[in-house]
Amino acid sequence: MNPVSPTHLDALRLAMKTILKNSLPAAALAALLIWANTGCALFHHHSTYGPIHQYAKSGDAASVAAELAAHPDELNLTDDLGQPPLHIAAAQCRTNVVALLLAKGAALDSKATGGATPLHLAAQEGCADAVTMLLAKDAKVNERDDQARTPLTRAKQWHRDAIAELLRQNGGVE
């Protein structure tokens, strides 16, 4: 919750005076609106989706590199869905960003909400290049998500037959 500024305190005092002098419902509404604008946890959601996530999604490797140069701690920063940039780039088949993030040491087998790894997402989306890159870095080919699905299972569910075969050739099982 953000601290209440002096300006907001003055507005709250005015709202309280209104309660005593005029209309209780109007004053209560005024106080509620002021409180909501101060960052009350009930009305304010702090998003963790940042520029690095957008750059990874759009495949803008130069901006990802610049963002990491300025903020190296964002390499594995998760967004609102628990996905770090590598997950997003793998799911979007942005192999230029996948390569950059892997070279920078992104967490290869981290799990997003739902237990998906970057390999799960690349396999599901049918991105053979990203799957190959992740396997070359020794991604866990048989890691299971929260529904006990491996990347191979996801590839099959999404009818990504070529990816399923690639995963089998690299030791993938269902």
C-alpha atoms as a PDB file:
ATOM      1  CA  MET A   1       0.000   0.000   0.000  1.00  0.00           C
ATOM      2  CA  ASN A   2       1.298   3.448  -0.878  1.00  0.00           C
ATOM      3  CA  PRO A   3       1.548   5.980   1.923  1.00  0.00           C
ATOM      4  CA  VAL A   4      -1.216   8.570   2.029  1.00  0.00           C
ATOM      5  CA  SER A   5       0.101  11.922   0.853  1.00  0.00           C
ATOM      6  CA  PRO A   6      -0.616  15.173   2.707  1.00  0.00           C
ATOM      7  CA  THR A   7      -2.927  16.146  -0.152  1.00  0.00           C
ATOM      8  CA  HIS A   8      -4.890  12.928   0.309  1.00  0.00           C
ATOM      9  CA  LEU A   9      -5.070  13.538   4.074  1.00  0.00           C
ATOM     10  CA  ASP A  10      -6.540  16.986   3.447  1.00  0.00           C
ATOM     11  CA  ALA A  11      -9.100  15.466   1.098  1.00  0.00           C
ATOM     12  CA  LEU A  12      -9.982  12.831   3.687  1.00  0.00           C
ATOM     13  CA  ARG A  13     -10.439  15.540   6.342  1.00  0.00           C
ATOM     14  CA  LEU A  14     -12.742  17.421   3.979  1.00  0.00           C
ATOM     15  CA  ALA A  15     -14.721  14.236   3.360  1.00  0.00           C
ATOM     16  CA  MET A  16     -15.091  13.713   7.101  1.00  0.00           C
ATOM     17  CA  LYS A  17     -16.350  17.293   7.548  1.00  0.00           C
ATOM     18  CA  THR A  18     -18.869  16.592   4.792  1.00  0.00           C
ATOM     19  CA  ILE A  19     -20.131  13.625   6.802  1.00  0.00           C
ATOM     20  CA  LEU A  20     -20.849  15.897   9.734  1.00  0.00           C
ATOM     21  CA  LYS A  21     -22.397  18.732   7.738  1.00  0.00           C
ATOM     22  CA  ASN A  22     -24.069  17.261   4.686  1.00  0.00           C
ATOM     23  CA  SER A  23     -24.719  13.844   3.230  1.00  0.00           C
ATOM     24  CA  LEU A  24     -23.324  10.679   4.719  1.00  0.00           C
ATOM     25  CA  PRO A  25     -23.554   8.665   1.447  1.00  0.00           C
ATOM     26  CA  ALA A  26     -21.770  11.395  -0.554  1.00  0.00           C
ATOM     27  CA  ALA A  27     -19.020  11.711   2.035  1.00  0.00           C
ATOM     28  CA  ALA A  28     -18.562   7.947   2.233  1.00  0.00           C
ATOM     29  CA  LEU A  29     -18.269   7.724  -1.549  1.00  0.00           C
ATOM     30  CA  ALA A  30     -15.755  10.573  -1.601  1.00  0.00           C
ATOM     31  CA  ALA A  31     -13.660   8.919   1.103  1.00  0.00           C
ATOM     32  CA  LEU A  32     -13.762   5.579  -0.719  1.00  0.00           C
ATOM     33  CA  LEU A  33     -12.628   7.123  -4.004  1.00  0.00           C
ATOM     34  CA  ILE A  34      -9.789   8.992  -2.319  1.00  0.00           C
ATOM     35  CA  TRP A  35      -8.673   5.861  -0.499  1.00  0.00           C
ATOM     36  CA  ALA A  36      -8.763   3.848  -3.738  1.00  0.00           C
ATOM     37  CA  ASN A  37      -6.492   6.357  -5.441  1.00  0.00           C
ATOM     38  CA  THR A  38      -3.875   6.152  -2.684  1.00  0.00           C
ATOM     39  CA  GLY A  39      -2.958   2.596  -3.622  1.00  0.00           C
ATOM     40  CA  CYS A  40      -5.100   0.616  -1.227  1.00  0.00           C
ATOM     41  CA  ALA A  41      -4.347  -3.089  -1.713  1.00  0.00           C
ATOM     42  CA  LEU A  42      -7.995  -3.789  -2.493  1.00  0.00           C
ATOM     43  CA  PHE A  43      -7.942  -1.497  -5.508  1.00  0.00           C
ATOM     44  CA  HIS A  44      -4.335  -1.560  -6.686  1.00  0.00           C
ATOM     45  CA  HIS A  45      -2.640  -4.426  -8.499  1.00  0.00           C
ATOM     46  CA  HIS A  46       1.114  -4.240  -8.889  1.00  0.00           C
ATOM     47  CA  SER A  47       1.982  -5.830 -12.205  1.00  0.00           C
ATOM     48  CA  THR A  48       5.350  -7.506 -12.620  1.00  0.00           C
ATOM     49  CA  TYR A  49       5.059  -7.431 -16.420  1.00  0.00           C
ATOM     50  CA  GLY A  50       7.878  -5.159 -17.517  1.00  0.00           C
ATOM     51  CA  PRO A  51       9.608  -3.940 -20.647  1.00  0.00           C
ATOM     52  CA  ILE A  52      11.846  -7.009 -20.781  1.00  0.00           C
ATOM     53  CA  HIS A  53       8.769  -9.237 -21.077  1.00  0.00           C
ATOM     54  CA  GLN A  54       7.379  -7.163 -23.935  1.00  0.00           C
ATOM     55  CA  TYR A  55      10.755  -7.165 -25.719  1.00  0.00           C
ATOM     56  CA  ALA A  56      11.001 -10.955 -25.337  1.00  0.00           C
ATOM     57  CA  LYS A  57       7.467 -11.365 -26.696  1.00  0.00           C
ATOM     58  CA  SER A  58       8.137  -9.173 -29.719  1.00  0.00           C
ATOM     59  CA  GLY A  59      11.546 -10.701 -30.455  1.00  0.00           C
ATOM     60  CA  ASP A  60      13.462  -7.470 -29.875  1.00  0.00           C
ATOM     61  CA  ALA A  61      16.819  -8.946 -28.846  1.00  0.00           C
ATOM     62  CA  ALA A  62      18.602  -5.580 -28.934  1.00  0.00           C
ATOM     63  CA  SER A  63      16.156  -4.122 -26.406  1.00  0.00           C
ATOM     64  CA  VAL A  64      16.349  -7.252 -24.246  1.00  0.00           C
ATOM     65  CA  ALA A  65      20.151  -6.884 -24.222  1.00  0.00           C
ATOM     66  CA  ALA A  66      19.902  -3.186 -23.348  1.00  0.00           C
ATOM     67  CA  GLU A  67      17.393  -3.882 -20.584  1.00  0.00           C
ATOM     68  CA  LEU A  68      19.669  -6.584 -19.132  1.00  0.00           C
ATOM     69  CA  ALA A  69      22.671  -4.255 -19.321  1.00  0.00           C
ATOM     70  CA  ALA A  70      20.758  -1.700 -17.258  1.00  0.00           C
ATOM     71  CA  HIS A  71      18.961  -4.233 -15.029  1.00  0.00           C
ATOM     72  CA  PRO A  72      20.797  -7.585 -14.901  1.00  0.00           C
ATOM     73  CA  ASP A  73      18.458  -8.757 -12.143  1.00  0.00           C
ATOM     74  CA  GLU A  74      15.631  -8.960 -14.724  1.00  0.00           C
ATOM     75  CA  LEU A  75      17.129 -12.019 -16.449  1.00  0.00           C
ATOM     76  CA  ASN A  76      14.751 -14.349 -14.600  1.00  0.00           C
ATOM     77  CA  LEU A  77      12.137 -11.788 -13.539  1.00  0.00           C
ATOM     78  CA  THR A  78       8.687 -13.356 -13.753  1.00  0.00           C
ATOM     79  CA  ASP A  79       5.651 -11.598 -15.164  1.00  0.00           C
ATOM     80  CA  ASP A  80       2.112 -11.786 -13.799  1.00  0.00           C
ATOM     81  CA  LEU A  81       1.798 -15.375 -15.060  1.00  0.00           C
ATOM     82  CA  GLY A  82       5.032 -16.462 -13.423  1.00  0.00           C
ATOM     83  CA  GLN A  83       6.892 -16.512 -16.738  1.00  0.00           C
ATOM     84  CA  PRO A  84      10.415 -15.162 -17.030  1.00  0.00           C
ATOM     85  CA  PRO A  85      11.583 -13.755 -20.384  1.00  0.00           C
ATOM     86  CA  LEU A  86      12.938 -17.133 -21.564  1.00  0.00           C
ATOM     87  CA  HIS A  87       9.489 -18.724 -21.231  1.00  0.00           C
ATOM     88  CA  ILE A  88       7.913 -15.895 -23.195  1.00  0.00           C
ATOM     89  CA  ALA A  89      10.519 -15.972 -25.963  1.00  0.00           C
ATOM     90  CA  ALA A  90      10.289 -19.774 -26.245  1.00  0.00           C
ATOM     91  CA  ALA A  91       6.484 -19.679 -26.418  1.00  0.00           C
ATOM     92  CA  GLN A  92       6.608 -17.015 -29.135  1.00  0.00           C
ATOM     93  CA  CYS A  93       9.387 -18.808 -31.054  1.00  0.00           C
ATOM     94  CA  ARG A  94      11.640 -15.758 -30.756  1.00  0.00           C
ATOM     95  CA  THR A  95      14.838 -17.721 -31.207  1.00  0.00           C
ATOM     96  CA  ASN A  96      17.034 -14.636 -31.360  1.00  0.00           C
ATOM     97  CA  VAL A  97      15.884 -13.754 -27.841  1.00  0.00           C
ATOM     98  CA  VAL A  98      16.056 -17.393 -26.685  1.00  0.00           C
ATOM     99  CA  ALA A  99      19.713 -17.524 -27.825  1.00  0.00           C
ATOM    100  CA  LEU A 100      20.534 -14.252 -26.053  1.00  0.00           C
ATOM    101  CA  LEU A 101      18.870 -15.272 -22.794  1.00  0.00           C
ATOM    102  CA  LEU A 102      20.548 -18.679 -22.812  1.00  0.00           C
ATOM    103  CA  ALA A 103      23.925 -17.019 -23.437  1.00  0.00           C
ATOM    104  CA  LYS A 104      23.264 -14.693 -20.470  1.00  0.00           C
ATOM    105  CA  GLY A 105      22.538 -17.695 -18.232  1.00  0.00           C
ATOM    106  CA  ALA A 106      18.750 -17.633 -17.953  1.00  0.00           C
ATOM    107  CA  ALA A 107      17.282 -20.355 -15.746  1.00  0.00           C
ATOM    108  CA  LEU A 108      16.818 -23.192 -18.208  1.00  0.00           C
ATOM    109  CA  ASP A 109      14.364 -25.372 -16.307  1.00  0.00           C
ATOM    110  CA  SER A 110      12.514 -22.839 -14.178  1.00  0.00           C
ATOM    111  CA  LYS A 111       8.791 -23.425 -13.900  1.00  0.00           C
ATOM    112  CA  ALA A 112       6.104 -20.839 -14.541  1.00  0.00           C
ATOM    113  CA  THR A 113       2.622 -20.939 -13.091  1.00  0.00           C
ATOM    114  CA  GLY A 114       1.275 -24.349 -14.036  1.00  0.00           C
ATOM    115  CA  GLY A 115       4.725 -25.914 -13.917  1.00  0.00           C
ATOM    116  CA  ALA A 116       5.694 -25.301 -17.543  1.00  0.00           C
ATOM    117  CA  THR A 117       9.355 -24.941 -18.448  1.00  0.00           C
ATOM    118  CA  PRO A 118      10.558 -23.113 -21.562  1.00  0.00           C
ATOM    119  CA  LEU A 119      10.872 -26.523 -23.258  1.00  0.00           C
ATOM    120  CA  HIS A 120       7.205 -27.316 -22.517  1.00  0.00           C
ATOM    121  CA  LEU A 121       6.150 -24.049 -24.151  1.00  0.00           C
ATOM    122  CA  ALA A 122       8.425 -24.316 -27.182  1.00  0.00           C
ATOM    123  CA  ALA A 123       7.259 -27.909 -27.758  1.00  0.00           C
ATOM    124  CA  GLN A 124       3.604 -26.987 -27.378  1.00  0.00           C
ATOM    125  CA  GLU A 125       3.945 -24.107 -29.829  1.00  0.00           C
ATOM    126  CA  GLY A 126       5.857 -26.207 -32.351  1.00  0.00           C
ATOM    127  CA  CYS A 127       9.039 -24.163 -32.335  1.00  0.00           C
ATOM    128  CA  ALA A 128      11.645 -26.694 -33.462  1.00  0.00           C
ATOM    129  CA  ASP A 129      14.514 -24.185 -33.344  1.00  0.00           C
ATOM    130  CA  ALA A 130      13.796 -23.203 -29.743  1.00  0.00           C
ATOM    131  CA  VAL A 131      13.346 -26.859 -28.746  1.00  0.00           C
ATOM    132  CA  THR A 132      16.709 -27.679 -30.357  1.00  0.00           C
ATOM    133  CA  MET A 133      18.418 -24.758 -28.629  1.00  0.00           C
ATOM    134  CA  LEU A 134      17.006 -25.704 -25.230  1.00  0.00           C
ATOM    135  CA  LEU A 135      17.960 -29.362 -25.651  1.00  0.00           C
ATOM    136  CA  ALA A 136      21.475 -28.335 -26.712  1.00  0.00           C
ATOM    137  CA  LYS A 137      21.773 -26.542 -23.348  1.00  0.00           C
ATOM    138  CA  ASP A 138      20.627 -29.726 -21.576  1.00  0.00           C
ATOM    139  CA  ALA A 139      17.073 -28.731 -20.736  1.00  0.00           C
ATOM    140  CA  LYS A 140      15.321 -31.518 -18.836  1.00  0.00           C
ATOM    141  CA  VAL A 141      13.484 -33.332 -21.624  1.00  0.00           C
ATOM    142  CA  ASN A 142      11.172 -35.250 -19.284  1.00  0.00           C
ATOM    143  CA  GLU A 143      10.335 -32.565 -16.734  1.00  0.00           C
ATOM    144  CA  ARG A 144       6.656 -32.686 -15.784  1.00  0.00           C
ATOM    145  CA  ASP A 145       4.307 -29.743 -15.384  1.00  0.00           C
ATOM    146  CA  ASP A 146       1.610 -29.491 -12.698  1.00  0.00           C
ATOM    147  CA  GLN A 147      -0.627 -31.809 -14.740  1.00  0.00           C
ATOM    148  CA  ALA A 148       2.175 -34.401 -15.014  1.00  0.00           C
ATOM    149  CA  ARG A 149       2.722 -33.629 -18.726  1.00  0.00           C
ATOM    150  CA  THR A 150       6.183 -33.765 -20.254  1.00  0.00           C
ATOM    151  CA  PRO A 151       7.167 -31.573 -23.212  1.00  0.00           C
ATOM    152  CA  LEU A 152       6.508 -34.616 -25.440  1.00  0.00           C
ATOM    153  CA  THR A 153       2.988 -34.961 -24.021  1.00  0.00           C
ATOM    154  CA  ARG A 154       2.291 -31.311 -24.733  1.00  0.00           C
ATOM    155  CA  ALA A 155       3.677 -31.583 -28.265  1.00  0.00           C
ATOM    156  CA  LYS A 156       1.369 -34.524 -28.937  1.00  0.00           C
ATOM    157  CA  GLN A 157      -1.651 -32.761 -27.397  1.00  0.00           C
ATOM    158  CA  TRP A 158      -1.055 -29.788 -29.691  1.00  0.00           C
ATOM    159  CA  HIS A 159      -0.493 -32.031 -32.731  1.00  0.00           C
ATOM    160  CA  ARG A 160       3.139 -31.027 -33.131  1.00  0.00           C
ATOM    161  CA  ASP A 161       4.235 -34.337 -34.619  1.00  0.00           C
ATOM    162  CA  ALA A 162       7.677 -33.193 -35.798  1.00  0.00           C
ATOM    163  CA  ILE A 163       8.427 -31.770 -32.347  1.00  0.00           C
ATOM    164  CA  ALA A 164       7.207 -34.956 -30.686  1.00  0.00           C
ATOM    165  CA  GLU A 165       9.613 -36.961 -32.838  1.00  0.00           C
ATOM    166  CA  LEU A 166      12.479 -34.553 -32.054  1.00  0.00           C
ATOM    167  CA  LEU A 167      11.810 -34.947 -28.338  1.00  0.00           C
ATOM    168  CA  ARG A 168      11.655 -38.772 -28.660  1.00  0.00           C
ATOM    169  CA  GLN A 169      15.016 -38.737 -30.446  1.00  0.00           C
ATOM    170  CA  ASN A 170      16.410 -36.855 -27.447  1.00  0.00           C
ATOM    171  CA  GLY A 171      15.034 -39.255 -24.834  1.00  0.00           C
ATOM    172  CA  GLY A 172      11.595 -37.730 -24.410  1.00  0.00           C
ATOM    173  CA  VAL A 173       8.827 -39.855 -22.936  1.00  0.00           C
ATOM    174  CA  GLU A 174       5.200 -39.213 -22.114  1.00  0.00           C
END
